[in-house]
Amino acid sequence: MKEKNQFQVPQSRNPWGLIEGVDYINNEDGSINWRAMVKSEHLFPNRGWFETRKQSVPNTIEGLGDHQLLIKLAGIKEVAKLRGYKSVKYDIIKCEASYVAIKCGITWIPNYESEYESYYEDVANATVNNTTDFAVKFLETIAANRAFIRAVRNFLNIHIVGSDEIDSSKKGTPVLFEEETETALPSSQNMLEKTAKSSGIKTFGEFQDYLRTAWKSNLYRNEEAKVWTSYDDIPAKEARILISILKK
């Protein structure tokens, strides 16, 4: 019989909102030490911290302080599941061709630390200047990942920077990009569709009419727009440009 992993996440929770079978680690005041609940396999040395100080990068995390570590997105997902949340939502703050800012809001379920549901939100951005050349194609997803990580770790007092949060534009910075979280993340296309609907454009046919009007008024011109049959056909960069125009 296999030994039960103390961080396994079964479905049932007790009346205090804690998962049955999980050994929670407590602080001196009785609250849960969520930092201690992060498995070591999700942590690794922050290469940038050591390289800027001209120090060799350790092969293990043993003996390192939180400021010398990075946490993987998988670790954030896992600890969020352990805490328990009801919903996750993303709101677009800004979406342009080279800059995307997203707010992530999480509704946490009650537990013995909090009698009622708790809501916490945080903001993050992704730009052409703080992502890799490859990741520039996925600015929305990166910004959403970063906002999700910040919302989780700041609410749970986990003071380790997420690997997805760091500036990955510099050579030598580890790239640990994950395109999806447990919840559906916004793409440029579905953000454009959402923005269009909030502007009163209900269907893609109406959006095509909007593009024709924008062409005539010299507000937006793109020859490829003639062959777009759905929002999915619109390139991410063009979608971000159109979002910016619709919001003006």
C-alpha atoms as a PDB file:
ATOM      1  CA  MET A   1       0.000   0.000   0.000  1.00  0.00           C
ATOM      2  CA  LYS A   2       1.421   3.385  -1.007  1.00  0.00           C
ATOM      3  CA  GLU A   3       2.078   5.962   1.649  1.00  0.00           C
ATOM      4  CA  LYS A   4      -0.434   8.807   1.443  1.00  0.00           C
ATOM      5  CA  ASN A   5       1.036  12.091   0.273  1.00  0.00           C
ATOM      6  CA  GLN A   6       0.322  14.759   2.883  1.00  0.00           C
ATOM      7  CA  PHE A   7      -0.326  17.284   0.108  1.00  0.00           C
ATOM      8  CA  GLN A   8      -2.743  15.107  -1.849  1.00  0.00           C
ATOM      9  CA  VAL A   9      -5.903  17.070  -2.577  1.00  0.00           C
ATOM     10  CA  PRO A  10      -9.011  14.902  -2.065  1.00  0.00           C
ATOM     11  CA  GLN A  11     -12.506  16.253  -2.581  1.00  0.00           C
ATOM     12  CA  SER A  12     -13.984  16.242   0.928  1.00  0.00           C
ATOM     13  CA  ARG A  13     -13.555  19.068   3.422  1.00  0.00           C
ATOM     14  CA  ASN A  14     -14.452  19.129   7.087  1.00  0.00           C
ATOM     15  CA  PRO A  15     -16.718  21.774   8.716  1.00  0.00           C
ATOM     16  CA  TRP A  16     -13.687  24.049   9.156  1.00  0.00           C
ATOM     17  CA  GLY A  17     -13.021  24.130   5.410  1.00  0.00           C
ATOM     18  CA  LEU A  18      -9.919  21.942   5.675  1.00  0.00           C
ATOM     19  CA  ILE A  19      -9.299  18.945   3.433  1.00  0.00           C
ATOM     20  CA  GLU A  20      -9.558  15.591   5.144  1.00  0.00           C
ATOM     21  CA  GLY A  21      -6.276  13.690   5.187  1.00  0.00           C
ATOM     22  CA  VAL A  22      -4.008  16.718   4.752  1.00  0.00           C
ATOM     23  CA  ASP A  23      -1.551  17.610   7.514  1.00  0.00           C
ATOM     24  CA  TYR A  24      -1.722  21.394   7.765  1.00  0.00           C
ATOM     25  CA  ILE A  25       1.252  23.249   9.202  1.00  0.00           C
ATOM     26  CA  ASN A  26       0.371  26.031  11.630  1.00  0.00           C
ATOM     27  CA  ASN A  27       1.985  29.279  12.695  1.00  0.00           C
ATOM     28  CA  GLU A  28       2.414  30.113  16.369  1.00  0.00           C
ATOM     29  CA  ASP A  29      -0.844  32.094  16.330  1.00  0.00           C
ATOM     30  CA  GLY A  30      -2.775  29.073  15.068  1.00  0.00           C
ATOM     31  CA  SER A  31      -3.191  30.263  11.499  1.00  0.00           C
ATOM     32  CA  ILE A  32      -2.041  28.049   8.638  1.00  0.00           C
ATOM     33  CA  ASN A  33       1.501  28.506   7.371  1.00  0.00           C
ATOM     34  CA  TRP A  34       0.717  28.369   3.658  1.00  0.00           C
ATOM     35  CA  ARG A  35       4.349  28.987   2.766  1.00  0.00           C
ATOM     36  CA  ALA A  36       5.258  25.758   4.560  1.00  0.00           C
ATOM     37  CA  MET A  37       2.575  23.928   2.597  1.00  0.00           C
ATOM     38  CA  VAL A  38       4.416  24.505  -0.686  1.00  0.00           C
ATOM     39  CA  LYS A  39       6.274  21.343  -1.675  1.00  0.00           C
ATOM     40  CA  SER A  40      10.001  21.734  -2.265  1.00  0.00           C
ATOM     41  CA  GLU A  41       9.657  20.302  -5.764  1.00  0.00           C
ATOM     42  CA  HIS A  42       7.912  23.529  -6.760  1.00  0.00           C
ATOM     43  CA  LEU A  43      10.783  25.723  -5.553  1.00  0.00           C
ATOM     44  CA  PHE A  44      14.163  26.436  -7.136  1.00  0.00           C
ATOM     45  CA  PRO A  45      17.005  28.955  -6.725  1.00  0.00           C
ATOM     46  CA  ASN A  46      16.453  32.401  -8.188  1.00  0.00           C
ATOM     47  CA  ARG A  47      19.302  32.447 -10.698  1.00  0.00           C
ATOM     48  CA  GLY A  48      18.985  36.185 -11.269  1.00  0.00           C
ATOM     49  CA  TRP A  49      19.427  36.967  -7.554  1.00  0.00           C
ATOM     50  CA  PHE A  50      22.732  35.118  -7.429  1.00  0.00           C
ATOM     51  CA  GLU A  51      24.067  36.235 -10.813  1.00  0.00           C
ATOM     52  CA  THR A  52      23.539  39.942 -10.071  1.00  0.00           C
ATOM     53  CA  ARG A  53      25.695  39.442  -6.948  1.00  0.00           C
ATOM     54  CA  LYS A  54      28.278  37.464  -8.925  1.00  0.00           C
ATOM     55  CA  GLN A  55      27.633  34.387  -6.820  1.00  0.00           C
ATOM     56  CA  SER A  56      27.411  30.820  -8.042  1.00  0.00           C
ATOM     57  CA  VAL A  57      23.885  29.436  -8.320  1.00  0.00           C
ATOM     58  CA  PRO A  58      23.249  26.642  -5.781  1.00  0.00           C
ATOM     59  CA  ASN A  59      22.241  23.215  -7.030  1.00  0.00           C
ATOM     60  CA  THR A  60      19.623  22.828  -4.292  1.00  0.00           C
ATOM     61  CA  ILE A  61      17.267  25.048  -2.317  1.00  0.00           C
ATOM     62  CA  GLU A  62      18.614  23.846   1.009  1.00  0.00           C
ATOM     63  CA  GLY A  63      19.473  26.739   3.290  1.00  0.00           C
ATOM     64  CA  LEU A  64      18.117  29.412   0.939  1.00  0.00           C
ATOM     65  CA  GLY A  65      15.835  32.212   2.120  1.00  0.00           C
ATOM     66  CA  ASP A  66      12.527  33.005   0.473  1.00  0.00           C
ATOM     67  CA  HIS A  67      14.093  36.030  -1.242  1.00  0.00           C
ATOM     68  CA  GLN A  68      16.559  33.672  -2.954  1.00  0.00           C
ATOM     69  CA  LEU A  69      13.880  31.359  -4.330  1.00  0.00           C
ATOM     70  CA  LEU A  70      11.316  31.239  -7.088  1.00  0.00           C
ATOM     71  CA  ILE A  71       8.067  29.278  -7.047  1.00  0.00           C
ATOM     72  CA  LYS A  72       6.581  27.474 -10.034  1.00  0.00           C
ATOM     73  CA  LEU A  73       3.040  28.102 -11.220  1.00  0.00           C
ATOM     74  CA  ALA A  74       2.212  24.476 -10.355  1.00  0.00           C
ATOM     75  CA  GLY A  75       3.058  25.171  -6.718  1.00  0.00           C
ATOM     76  CA  ILE A  76       0.749  28.191  -6.659  1.00  0.00           C
ATOM     77  CA  LYS A  77      -2.065  26.146  -8.194  1.00  0.00           C
ATOM     78  CA  GLU A  78      -1.623  23.410  -5.618  1.00  0.00           C
ATOM     79  CA  VAL A  79      -1.617  25.652  -2.561  1.00  0.00           C
ATOM     80  CA  ALA A  80      -4.662  27.519  -3.923  1.00  0.00           C
ATOM     81  CA  LYS A  81      -6.503  24.200  -4.156  1.00  0.00           C
ATOM     82  CA  LEU A  82      -5.495  23.348  -0.616  1.00  0.00           C
ATOM     83  CA  ARG A  83      -6.868  26.660   0.655  1.00  0.00           C
ATOM     84  CA  GLY A  84     -10.003  26.310  -1.438  1.00  0.00           C
ATOM     85  CA  TYR A  85     -11.580  28.895  -3.700  1.00  0.00           C
ATOM     86  CA  LYS A  86     -15.031  29.370  -5.159  1.00  0.00           C
ATOM     87  CA  SER A  87     -14.207  31.304  -8.301  1.00  0.00           C
ATOM     88  CA  VAL A  88     -11.469  33.072 -10.251  1.00  0.00           C
ATOM     89  CA  LYS A  89     -12.168  35.969 -12.589  1.00  0.00           C
ATOM     90  CA  TYR A  90     -10.015  38.083 -14.882  1.00  0.00           C
ATOM     91  CA  ASP A  91     -10.656  41.688 -15.884  1.00  0.00           C
ATOM     92  CA  ILE A  92      -8.818  43.540 -18.624  1.00  0.00           C
ATOM     93  CA  ILE A  93      -7.268  46.777 -17.437  1.00  0.00           C
ATOM     94  CA  LYS A  94      -5.307  47.575 -20.566  1.00  0.00           C
ATOM     95  CA  CYS A  95      -4.724  45.656 -23.777  1.00  0.00           C
ATOM     96  CA  GLU A  96      -2.490  47.039 -26.496  1.00  0.00           C
ATOM     97  CA  ALA A  97      -0.164  45.536 -29.071  1.00  0.00           C
ATOM     98  CA  SER A  98       2.843  45.716 -26.761  1.00  0.00           C
ATOM     99  CA  TYR A  99       1.289  45.981 -23.295  1.00  0.00           C
ATOM    100  CA  VAL A 100      -1.365  43.951 -21.467  1.00  0.00           C
ATOM    101  CA  ALA A 101      -2.490  44.467 -17.869  1.00  0.00           C
ATOM    102  CA  ILE A 102      -4.959  42.104 -16.206  1.00  0.00           C
ATOM    103  CA  LYS A 103      -6.600  41.994 -12.793  1.00  0.00           C
ATOM    104  CA  CYS A 104      -7.253  38.606 -11.205  1.00  0.00           C
ATOM    105  CA  GLY A 105      -9.866  38.336  -8.464  1.00  0.00           C
ATOM    106  CA  ILE A 106     -10.298  35.192  -6.359  1.00  0.00           C
ATOM    107  CA  THR A 107     -13.223  34.375  -4.083  1.00  0.00           C
ATOM    108  CA  TRP A 108     -11.926  32.114  -1.317  1.00  0.00           C
ATOM    109  CA  ILE A 109     -14.184  29.721   0.549  1.00  0.00           C
ATOM    110  CA  PRO A 110     -14.664  30.110   4.311  1.00  0.00           C
ATOM    111  CA  ASN A 111     -12.392  28.146   6.632  1.00  0.00           C
ATOM    112  CA  TYR A 112     -11.515  28.271  10.298  1.00  0.00           C
ATOM    113  CA  GLU A 113      -9.275  31.290   9.631  1.00  0.00           C
ATOM    114  CA  SER A 114     -12.185  33.221   8.105  1.00  0.00           C
ATOM    115  CA  GLU A 115     -15.835  32.557   8.882  1.00  0.00           C
ATOM    116  CA  TYR A 116     -17.012  34.131   5.641  1.00  0.00           C
ATOM    117  CA  GLU A 117     -15.992  34.073   2.000  1.00  0.00           C
ATOM    118  CA  SER A 118     -12.996  36.295   1.283  1.00  0.00           C
ATOM    119  CA  TYR A 119     -12.299  38.164  -1.924  1.00  0.00           C
ATOM    120  CA  TYR A 120      -8.825  39.270  -2.982  1.00  0.00           C
ATOM    121  CA  GLU A 121      -7.533  40.691  -6.246  1.00  0.00           C
ATOM    122  CA  ASP A 122      -4.196  41.690  -7.673  1.00  0.00           C
ATOM    123  CA  VAL A 123      -2.857  43.154 -10.903  1.00  0.00           C
ATOM    124  CA  ALA A 124      -0.002  42.216 -13.242  1.00  0.00           C
ATOM    125  CA  ASN A 125       1.220  43.167 -16.685  1.00  0.00           C
ATOM    126  CA  ALA A 126       3.126  41.621 -19.556  1.00  0.00           C
ATOM    127  CA  THR A 127       4.937  43.748 -22.118  1.00  0.00           C
ATOM    128  CA  VAL A 128       7.347  43.300 -24.992  1.00  0.00           C
ATOM    129  CA  ASN A 129      10.045  44.548 -22.596  1.00  0.00           C
ATOM    130  CA  ASN A 130       9.558  42.017 -19.785  1.00  0.00           C
ATOM    131  CA  THR A 131       8.914  38.793 -21.697  1.00  0.00           C
ATOM    132  CA  THR A 132      10.902  36.591 -24.045  1.00  0.00           C
ATOM    133  CA  ASP A 133      10.643  36.921 -27.809  1.00  0.00           C
ATOM    134  CA  PHE A 134       8.547  33.746 -27.882  1.00  0.00           C
ATOM    135  CA  ALA A 135       6.271  34.839 -25.044  1.00  0.00           C
ATOM    136  CA  VAL A 136       5.465  38.166 -26.756  1.00  0.00           C
ATOM    137  CA  LYS A 137       2.870  36.171 -28.704  1.00  0.00           C
ATOM    138  CA  PHE A 138       1.070  35.331 -25.455  1.00  0.00           C
ATOM    139  CA  LEU A 139       1.021  38.588 -23.503  1.00  0.00           C
ATOM    140  CA  GLU A 140      -2.560  38.079 -22.285  1.00  0.00           C
ATOM    141  CA  THR A 141      -1.841  34.615 -20.894  1.00  0.00           C
ATOM    142  CA  ILE A 142       1.365  35.719 -19.198  1.00  0.00           C
ATOM    143  CA  ALA A 143      -0.329  38.734 -17.619  1.00  0.00           C
ATOM    144  CA  ALA A 144      -3.181  36.493 -16.407  1.00  0.00           C
ATOM    145  CA  ASN A 145      -0.731  33.943 -14.975  1.00  0.00           C
ATOM    146  CA  ARG A 146       1.173  36.686 -13.190  1.00  0.00           C
ATOM    147  CA  ALA A 147      -1.979  38.239 -11.755  1.00  0.00           C
ATOM    148  CA  PHE A 148      -3.215  34.823 -10.573  1.00  0.00           C
ATOM    149  CA  ILE A 149       0.103  34.071  -8.870  1.00  0.00           C
ATOM    150  CA  ARG A 150       0.180  37.445  -7.113  1.00  0.00           C
ATOM    151  CA  ALA A 151      -3.419  37.142  -5.955  1.00  0.00           C
ATOM    152  CA  VAL A 152      -2.745  33.714  -4.446  1.00  0.00           C
ATOM    153  CA  ARG A 153       0.603  34.299  -2.803  1.00  0.00           C
ATOM    154  CA  ASN A 154      -0.206  37.769  -1.443  1.00  0.00           C
ATOM    155  CA  PHE A 155      -3.497  36.583   0.052  1.00  0.00           C
ATOM    156  CA  LEU A 156      -1.799  33.560   1.628  1.00  0.00           C
ATOM    157  CA  ASN A 157       1.326  35.479   2.729  1.00  0.00           C
ATOM    158  CA  ILE A 158       3.715  33.458   0.583  1.00  0.00           C
ATOM    159  CA  HIS A 159       6.671  35.779   0.101  1.00  0.00           C
ATOM    160  CA  ILE A 160       8.371  33.960  -2.752  1.00  0.00           C
ATOM    161  CA  VAL A 161       8.258  35.513  -6.203  1.00  0.00           C
ATOM    162  CA  GLY A 162       6.598  33.399  -8.868  1.00  0.00           C
ATOM    163  CA  SER A 163       8.847  32.247 -11.699  1.00  0.00           C
ATOM    164  CA  ASP A 164       6.261  33.586 -14.168  1.00  0.00           C
ATOM    165  CA  GLU A 165       6.405  37.022 -12.525  1.00  0.00           C
ATOM    166  CA  ILE A 166      10.057  37.778 -13.196  1.00  0.00           C
ATOM    167  CA  ASP A 167      11.353  39.710 -16.171  1.00  0.00           C
ATOM    168  CA  SER A 168      12.231  36.980 -18.659  1.00  0.00           C
ATOM    169  CA  SER A 169      13.497  39.312 -21.377  1.00  0.00           C
ATOM    170  CA  LYS A 170      17.136  39.102 -20.305  1.00  0.00           C
ATOM    171  CA  LYS A 171      19.428  36.432 -21.627  1.00  0.00           C
ATOM    172  CA  GLY A 172      19.964  33.648 -19.156  1.00  0.00           C
ATOM    173  CA  THR A 173      16.708  34.161 -17.274  1.00  0.00           C
ATOM    174  CA  PRO A 174      14.918  30.818 -16.837  1.00  0.00           C
ATOM    175  CA  VAL A 175      11.817  30.528 -18.971  1.00  0.00           C
ATOM    176  CA  LEU A 176       9.102  28.562 -17.189  1.00  0.00           C
ATOM    177  CA  PHE A 177       6.156  29.794 -19.187  1.00  0.00           C
ATOM    178  CA  GLU A 178       2.909  27.891 -18.739  1.00  0.00           C
ATOM    179  CA  GLU A 179       0.161  28.809 -21.141  1.00  0.00           C
ATOM    180  CA  GLU A 180      -2.821  27.710 -19.040  1.00  0.00           C
ATOM    181  CA  THR A 181      -3.903  27.737 -15.427  1.00  0.00           C
ATOM    182  CA  GLU A 182      -6.670  25.604 -13.984  1.00  0.00           C
ATOM    183  CA  THR A 183      -9.207  28.176 -15.088  1.00  0.00           C
ATOM    184  CA  ALA A 184      -9.718  29.383 -18.624  1.00  0.00           C
ATOM    185  CA  LEU A 185      -7.441  32.290 -19.342  1.00  0.00           C
ATOM    186  CA  PRO A 186      -8.322  35.138 -21.655  1.00  0.00           C
ATOM    187  CA  SER A 187      -6.868  35.247 -25.155  1.00  0.00           C
ATOM    188  CA  SER A 188      -6.612  38.362 -27.295  1.00  0.00           C
ATOM    189  CA  GLN A 189      -9.507  37.121 -29.404  1.00  0.00           C
ATOM    190  CA  ASN A 190     -11.974  36.407 -26.603  1.00  0.00           C
ATOM    191  CA  MET A 191     -10.988  39.643 -24.857  1.00  0.00           C
ATOM    192  CA  LEU A 192     -11.763  41.465 -28.102  1.00  0.00           C
ATOM    193  CA  GLU A 193     -15.126  39.722 -28.331  1.00  0.00           C
ATOM    194  CA  LYS A 194     -15.901  40.633 -24.720  1.00  0.00           C
ATOM    195  CA  THR A 195     -14.906  44.259 -25.299  1.00  0.00           C
ATOM    196  CA  ALA A 196     -16.968  44.422 -28.492  1.00  0.00           C
ATOM    197  CA  LYS A 197     -20.064  43.080 -26.717  1.00  0.00           C
ATOM    198  CA  SER A 198     -19.632  45.572 -23.893  1.00  0.00           C
ATOM    199  CA  SER A 199     -19.602  48.264 -26.601  1.00  0.00           C
ATOM    200  CA  GLY A 200     -22.924  47.047 -27.974  1.00  0.00           C
ATOM    201  CA  ILE A 201     -21.565  44.864 -30.792  1.00  0.00           C
ATOM    202  CA  LYS A 202     -23.393  41.592 -30.183  1.00  0.00           C
ATOM    203  CA  THR A 203     -22.380  39.408 -33.137  1.00  0.00           C
ATOM    204  CA  PHE A 204     -19.329  39.011 -35.351  1.00  0.00           C
ATOM    205  CA  GLY A 205     -21.439  40.205 -38.282  1.00  0.00           C
ATOM    206  CA  GLU A 206     -21.993  43.479 -36.433  1.00  0.00           C
ATOM    207  CA  PHE A 207     -18.266  43.584 -35.694  1.00  0.00           C
ATOM    208  CA  GLN A 208     -17.554  43.289 -39.424  1.00  0.00           C
ATOM    209  CA  ASP A 209     -19.858  46.267 -39.961  1.00  0.00           C
ATOM    210  CA  TYR A 210     -17.849  48.121 -37.328  1.00  0.00           C
ATOM    211  CA  LEU A 211     -14.608  47.294 -39.195  1.00  0.00           C
ATOM    212  CA  ARG A 212     -16.065  48.676 -42.444  1.00  0.00           C
ATOM    213  CA  THR A 213     -17.034  51.888 -40.662  1.00  0.00           C
ATOM    214  CA  ALA A 214     -13.581  52.097 -39.058  1.00  0.00           C
ATOM    215  CA  TRP A 215     -12.001  51.654 -42.509  1.00  0.00           C
ATOM    216  CA  LYS A 216     -14.055  54.480 -44.031  1.00  0.00           C
ATOM    217  CA  SER A 217     -13.215  56.804 -41.140  1.00  0.00           C
ATOM    218  CA  ASN A 218      -9.538  55.806 -41.370  1.00  0.00           C
ATOM    219  CA  LEU A 219      -9.679  54.637 -37.755  1.00  0.00           C
ATOM    220  CA  TYR A 220      -8.444  51.129 -38.522  1.00  0.00           C
ATOM    221  CA  ARG A 221      -7.279  49.639 -41.800  1.00  0.00           C
ATOM    222  CA  ASN A 222      -6.075  46.103 -42.438  1.00  0.00           C
ATOM    223  CA  GLU A 223      -6.462  44.302 -45.762  1.00  0.00           C
ATOM    224  CA  GLU A 224      -6.575  40.926 -43.993  1.00  0.00           C
ATOM    225  CA  ALA A 225      -9.776  41.923 -42.200  1.00  0.00           C
ATOM    226  CA  LYS A 226     -11.693  41.032 -45.360  1.00  0.00           C
ATOM    227  CA  VAL A 227     -11.081  37.314 -44.792  1.00  0.00           C
ATOM    228  CA  TRP A 228     -11.835  37.215 -41.065  1.00  0.00           C
ATOM    229  CA  THR A 229     -14.917  35.072 -40.465  1.00  0.00           C
ATOM    230  CA  SER A 230     -14.746  34.927 -36.668  1.00  0.00           C
ATOM    231  CA  TYR A 231     -12.829  36.455 -33.768  1.00  0.00           C
ATOM    232  CA  ASP A 232     -10.502  33.441 -33.810  1.00  0.00           C
ATOM    233  CA  ASP A 233      -9.244  34.501 -37.254  1.00  0.00           C
ATOM    234  CA  ILE A 234      -7.901  37.785 -35.935  1.00  0.00           C
ATOM    235  CA  PRO A 235      -4.160  37.734 -35.062  1.00  0.00           C
ATOM    236  CA  ALA A 236      -3.399  38.438 -31.400  1.00  0.00           C
ATOM    237  CA  LYS A 237      -1.557  41.673 -32.158  1.00  0.00           C
ATOM    238  CA  GLU A 238      -4.433  43.008 -34.279  1.00  0.00           C
ATOM    239  CA  ALA A 239      -6.943  41.979 -31.615  1.00  0.00           C
ATOM    240  CA  ARG A 240      -5.089  44.026 -29.013  1.00  0.00           C
ATOM    241  CA  ILE A 241      -5.005  47.038 -31.332  1.00  0.00           C
ATOM    242  CA  LEU A 242      -8.753  46.748 -31.918  1.00  0.00           C
ATOM    243  CA  ILE A 243      -9.426  46.488 -28.183  1.00  0.00           C
ATOM    244  CA  SER A 244      -7.524  49.704 -27.660  1.00  0.00           C
ATOM    245  CA  ILE A 245      -9.577  51.414 -30.407  1.00  0.00           C
ATOM    246  CA  LEU A 246     -12.891  50.149 -29.023  1.00  0.00           C
ATOM    247  CA  LYS A 247     -12.057  51.463 -25.563  1.00  0.00           C
ATOM    248  CA  LYS A 248     -11.351  54.997 -26.766  1.00  0.00           C
END
